[in-house]
Amino acid sequence: MIFKADEKAFFRTMKDAVGGEYEIFGKIRVTDIIVPKKGASAHAVKKAFNSIEDCYFDFVLCEKTNLAVVCVVQLQDKTHSVRSNEKDTLIPICENLGLPLVRFAITTDYSAGEIQEKLHKAIIKGPFLLVETDGRKEPRISSVDGMKF
């Protein structure tokens, strides 16, 4: 089973809310989205990624044309208190990357309009890209030493 019942309900409503504008992926590891800075030592990369290797985003919204990440979504309820360390970890990571992180409370009834409004407020109009002189680069963190977890 990929999704629990509440996650399935949210997924279906979010799919209606974005109206085919974005691709939606579920249960994506944080380390699958961020890439270590080129030239970083193996030790530094291992140290930086050890604390986040078990963290994942509930949903990731991507541009349809190139699958560039535009927003990540986390669901929150009492069962996610087990992942409270993830909450404290994901916020600074997303802030440092400039990646919108949108949180939704788990409920029995979702409104596509509310989901759409909240996502559109958070999403940057255009794919999430880091501008560098030698072309498009995937988002990455070179060190988590200065971050508060």
C-alpha atoms as a PDB file:
ATOM      1  CA  MET A   1       0.000   0.000   0.000  1.00  0.00           C
ATOM      2  CA  ILE A   2       1.524   3.308  -1.086  1.00  0.00           C
ATOM      3  CA  PHE A   3      -0.906   5.659   0.668  1.00  0.00           C
ATOM      4  CA  LYS A   4      -3.017   5.399   3.796  1.00  0.00           C
ATOM      5  CA  ALA A   5      -6.728   6.184   3.366  1.00  0.00           C
ATOM      6  CA  ASP A   6      -6.367   9.823   4.474  1.00  0.00           C
ATOM      7  CA  GLU A   7      -3.433  10.344   2.104  1.00  0.00           C
ATOM      8  CA  LYS A   8      -5.441   8.852  -0.790  1.00  0.00           C
ATOM      9  CA  ALA A   9      -8.329  11.213  -0.070  1.00  0.00           C
ATOM     10  CA  PHE A  10      -5.983  14.201  -0.015  1.00  0.00           C
ATOM     11  CA  PHE A  11      -4.206  13.054  -3.183  1.00  0.00           C
ATOM     12  CA  ARG A  12      -7.461  12.753  -5.121  1.00  0.00           C
ATOM     13  CA  THR A  13      -8.644  16.188  -3.999  1.00  0.00           C
ATOM     14  CA  MET A  14      -5.261  17.777  -4.705  1.00  0.00           C
ATOM     15  CA  LYS A  15      -5.290  16.183  -8.162  1.00  0.00           C
ATOM     16  CA  ASP A  16      -8.679  17.827  -8.807  1.00  0.00           C
ATOM     17  CA  ALA A  17      -7.381  21.112  -7.362  1.00  0.00           C
ATOM     18  CA  VAL A  18      -4.346  21.413  -9.627  1.00  0.00           C
ATOM     19  CA  GLY A  19      -6.398  20.358 -12.641  1.00  0.00           C
ATOM     20  CA  GLY A  20      -3.645  18.609 -14.520  1.00  0.00           C
ATOM     21  CA  GLU A  21      -1.415  21.676 -14.269  1.00  0.00           C
ATOM     22  CA  TYR A  22       1.269  19.762 -12.342  1.00  0.00           C
ATOM     23  CA  GLU A  23       2.499  16.210 -11.924  1.00  0.00           C
ATOM     24  CA  ILE A  24       2.075  14.931  -8.366  1.00  0.00           C
ATOM     25  CA  PHE A  25       4.446  12.408  -6.816  1.00  0.00           C
ATOM     26  CA  GLY A  26       4.015  10.861  -3.380  1.00  0.00           C
ATOM     27  CA  LYS A  27       6.387   9.779  -0.633  1.00  0.00           C
ATOM     28  CA  ILE A  28       9.534  11.282  -2.137  1.00  0.00           C
ATOM     29  CA  ARG A  29      12.696  11.197  -0.039  1.00  0.00           C
ATOM     30  CA  VAL A  30      14.246  14.579   0.640  1.00  0.00           C
ATOM     31  CA  THR A  31      17.608  13.265  -0.526  1.00  0.00           C
ATOM     32  CA  ASP A  32      16.065  12.412  -3.903  1.00  0.00           C
ATOM     33  CA  ILE A  33      15.290  16.077  -4.488  1.00  0.00           C
ATOM     34  CA  ILE A  34      18.395  17.797  -3.180  1.00  0.00           C
ATOM     35  CA  VAL A  35      21.846  17.085  -4.529  1.00  0.00           C
ATOM     36  CA  PRO A  36      25.149  17.768  -2.781  1.00  0.00           C
ATOM     37  CA  LYS A  37      27.182  20.689  -4.027  1.00  0.00           C
ATOM     38  CA  LYS A  38      29.676  19.708  -6.707  1.00  0.00           C
ATOM     39  CA  GLY A  39      33.134  19.322  -5.228  1.00  0.00           C
ATOM     40  CA  ALA A  40      31.925  18.713  -1.668  1.00  0.00           C
ATOM     41  CA  SER A  41      33.951  16.100   0.179  1.00  0.00           C
ATOM     42  CA  ALA A  42      32.425  12.666   0.645  1.00  0.00           C
ATOM     43  CA  HIS A  43      32.699  13.089   4.419  1.00  0.00           C
ATOM     44  CA  ALA A  44      30.836  16.424   4.359  1.00  0.00           C
ATOM     45  CA  VAL A  45      28.118  14.995   2.125  1.00  0.00           C
ATOM     46  CA  LYS A  46      27.665  11.940   4.335  1.00  0.00           C
ATOM     47  CA  LYS A  47      27.495  14.088   7.456  1.00  0.00           C
ATOM     48  CA  ALA A  48      24.983  16.478   5.886  1.00  0.00           C
ATOM     49  CA  PHE A  49      22.743  13.764   4.493  1.00  0.00           C
ATOM     50  CA  ASN A  50      22.804  11.355   7.474  1.00  0.00           C
ATOM     51  CA  SER A  51      20.375  13.502   9.442  1.00  0.00           C
ATOM     52  CA  ILE A  52      17.876  13.675   6.561  1.00  0.00           C
ATOM     53  CA  GLU A  53      18.188  10.260   4.922  1.00  0.00           C
ATOM     54  CA  ASP A  54      14.921   9.007   6.455  1.00  0.00           C
ATOM     55  CA  CYS A  55      12.946  12.216   5.815  1.00  0.00           C
ATOM     56  CA  TYR A  56      10.447  12.378   2.997  1.00  0.00           C
ATOM     57  CA  PHE A  57       7.891  14.730   1.508  1.00  0.00           C
ATOM     58  CA  ASP A  58       4.314  13.459   1.468  1.00  0.00           C
ATOM     59  CA  PHE A  59       3.760  14.976  -1.989  1.00  0.00           C
ATOM     60  CA  VAL A  60       5.891  16.812  -4.536  1.00  0.00           C
ATOM     61  CA  LEU A  61       4.385  18.983  -7.288  1.00  0.00           C
ATOM     62  CA  CYS A  62       6.408  19.216 -10.492  1.00  0.00           C
ATOM     63  CA  GLU A  63       6.076  21.047 -13.791  1.00  0.00           C
ATOM     64  CA  LYS A  64       4.499  18.764 -16.384  1.00  0.00           C
ATOM     65  CA  THR A  65       6.958  19.647 -19.141  1.00  0.00           C
ATOM     66  CA  ASN A  66      10.286  19.096 -17.390  1.00  0.00           C
ATOM     67  CA  LEU A  67       9.390  17.671 -13.952  1.00  0.00           C
ATOM     68  CA  ALA A  68      11.088  20.582 -12.178  1.00  0.00           C
ATOM     69  CA  VAL A  69      10.020  20.713  -8.534  1.00  0.00           C
ATOM     70  CA  VAL A  70       7.729  23.680  -7.792  1.00  0.00           C
ATOM     71  CA  CYS A  71       6.363  22.843  -4.340  1.00  0.00           C
ATOM     72  CA  VAL A  72       6.374  20.189  -1.629  1.00  0.00           C
ATOM     73  CA  VAL A  73       3.409  19.231   0.556  1.00  0.00           C
ATOM     74  CA  GLN A  74       3.269  17.748   4.050  1.00  0.00           C
ATOM     75  CA  LEU A  75       0.174  16.412   5.775  1.00  0.00           C
ATOM     76  CA  GLN A  76      -0.130  16.910   9.518  1.00  0.00           C
ATOM     77  CA  ASP A  77      -2.068  14.975  12.116  1.00  0.00           C
ATOM     78  CA  LYS A  78      -1.459  13.254  15.431  1.00  0.00           C
ATOM     79  CA  THR A  79       0.212  10.257  13.787  1.00  0.00           C
ATOM     80  CA  HIS A  80       2.832  12.522  12.249  1.00  0.00           C
ATOM     81  CA  SER A  81       4.100  13.446  15.699  1.00  0.00           C
ATOM     82  CA  VAL A  82       6.374  10.437  15.241  1.00  0.00           C
ATOM     83  CA  ARG A  83       7.970  12.479  12.462  1.00  0.00           C
ATOM     84  CA  SER A  84       8.274  15.676  14.566  1.00  0.00           C
ATOM     85  CA  ASN A  85      12.027  15.747  14.006  1.00  0.00           C
ATOM     86  CA  GLU A  86      11.223  15.833  10.289  1.00  0.00           C
ATOM     87  CA  LYS A  87       9.071  18.939  10.799  1.00  0.00           C
ATOM     88  CA  ASP A  88      11.992  20.777  12.371  1.00  0.00           C
ATOM     89  CA  THR A  89      14.344  19.514   9.675  1.00  0.00           C
ATOM     90  CA  LEU A  90      12.260  20.194   6.563  1.00  0.00           C
ATOM     91  CA  ILE A  91      11.461  23.831   7.285  1.00  0.00           C
ATOM     92  CA  PRO A  92      15.073  25.114   7.232  1.00  0.00           C
ATOM     93  CA  ILE A  93      15.972  22.896   4.284  1.00  0.00           C
ATOM     94  CA  CYS A  94      13.086  24.234   2.215  1.00  0.00           C
ATOM     95  CA  GLU A  95      13.769  27.820   3.312  1.00  0.00           C
ATOM     96  CA  ASN A  96      17.459  27.532   2.360  1.00  0.00           C
ATOM     97  CA  LEU A  97      16.507  26.139  -1.051  1.00  0.00           C
ATOM     98  CA  GLY A  98      13.697  28.642  -1.615  1.00  0.00           C
ATOM     99  CA  LEU A  99      11.395  25.660  -2.094  1.00  0.00           C
ATOM    100  CA  PRO A 100       7.779  26.282  -1.055  1.00  0.00           C
ATOM    101  CA  LEU A 101       6.627  23.895   1.674  1.00  0.00           C
ATOM    102  CA  VAL A 102       2.861  23.764   2.157  1.00  0.00           C
ATOM    103  CA  ARG A 103       1.275  22.009   5.112  1.00  0.00           C
ATOM    104  CA  PHE A 104      -2.281  20.689   5.291  1.00  0.00           C
ATOM    105  CA  ALA A 105      -4.089  19.291   8.305  1.00  0.00           C
ATOM    106  CA  ILE A 106      -5.494  15.832   7.735  1.00  0.00           C
ATOM    107  CA  THR A 107      -9.273  15.850   7.784  1.00  0.00           C
ATOM    108  CA  THR A 108     -12.130  13.711   6.556  1.00  0.00           C
ATOM    109  CA  ASP A 109     -13.289  16.281   4.007  1.00  0.00           C
ATOM    110  CA  TYR A 110     -11.004  18.308   1.756  1.00  0.00           C
ATOM    111  CA  SER A 111     -11.941  21.277  -0.368  1.00  0.00           C
ATOM    112  CA  ALA A 112     -10.309  21.394  -3.807  1.00  0.00           C
ATOM    113  CA  GLY A 113     -10.771  25.169  -3.799  1.00  0.00           C
ATOM    114  CA  GLU A 114      -8.916  25.614  -0.497  1.00  0.00           C
ATOM    115  CA  ILE A 115      -6.108  23.321  -1.602  1.00  0.00           C
ATOM    116  CA  GLN A 116      -5.815  25.142  -4.918  1.00  0.00           C
ATOM    117  CA  GLU A 117      -5.726  28.545  -3.236  1.00  0.00           C
ATOM    118  CA  LYS A 118      -3.086  27.537  -0.699  1.00  0.00           C
ATOM    119  CA  LEU A 119      -0.877  25.895  -3.331  1.00  0.00           C
ATOM    120  CA  HIS A 120      -1.133  28.770  -5.798  1.00  0.00           C
ATOM    121  CA  LYS A 121      -0.174  31.261  -3.075  1.00  0.00           C
ATOM    122  CA  ALA A 122       2.933  29.252  -2.303  1.00  0.00           C
ATOM    123  CA  ILE A 123       4.060  28.238  -5.770  1.00  0.00           C
ATOM    124  CA  ILE A 124       6.543  30.396  -7.562  1.00  0.00           C
ATOM    125  CA  LYS A 125       5.305  31.029 -11.088  1.00  0.00           C
ATOM    126  CA  GLY A 126       7.879  29.024 -12.948  1.00  0.00           C
ATOM    127  CA  PRO A 127       9.898  25.910 -12.211  1.00  0.00           C
ATOM    128  CA  PHE A 128      12.137  25.757  -9.177  1.00  0.00           C
ATOM    129  CA  LEU A 129      15.563  26.373 -10.652  1.00  0.00           C
ATOM    130  CA  LEU A 130      18.865  27.522  -9.271  1.00  0.00           C
ATOM    131  CA  VAL A 131      20.444  29.976 -11.659  1.00  0.00           C
ATOM    132  CA  GLU A 132      24.118  29.350 -12.220  1.00  0.00           C
ATOM    133  CA  THR A 133      26.462  30.395 -14.980  1.00  0.00           C
ATOM    134  CA  ASP A 134      26.883  26.948 -16.490  1.00  0.00           C
ATOM    135  CA  GLY A 135      23.191  26.085 -16.905  1.00  0.00           C
ATOM    136  CA  ARG A 136      20.409  24.493 -14.913  1.00  0.00           C
ATOM    137  CA  LYS A 137      21.399  22.746 -11.701  1.00  0.00           C
ATOM    138  CA  GLU A 138      19.328  20.631  -9.373  1.00  0.00           C
ATOM    139  CA  PRO A 139      18.744  22.088  -5.890  1.00  0.00           C
ATOM    140  CA  ARG A 140      21.318  20.950  -3.364  1.00  0.00           C
ATOM    141  CA  ILE A 141      22.669  21.578   0.083  1.00  0.00           C
ATOM    142  CA  SER A 142      26.400  21.578   0.619  1.00  0.00           C
ATOM    143  CA  SER A 143      26.236  21.586   4.405  1.00  0.00           C
ATOM    144  CA  VAL A 144      23.650  21.508   7.132  1.00  0.00           C
ATOM    145  CA  ASP A 145      26.160  22.736   9.745  1.00  0.00           C
ATOM    146  CA  GLY A 146      24.611  26.218  10.035  1.00  0.00           C
ATOM    147  CA  MET A 147      21.019  25.005  10.000  1.00  0.00           C
ATOM    148  CA  LYS A 148      18.842  24.700  13.094  1.00  0.00           C
ATOM    149  CA  PHE A 149      17.158  21.321  13.429  1.00  0.00           C
END
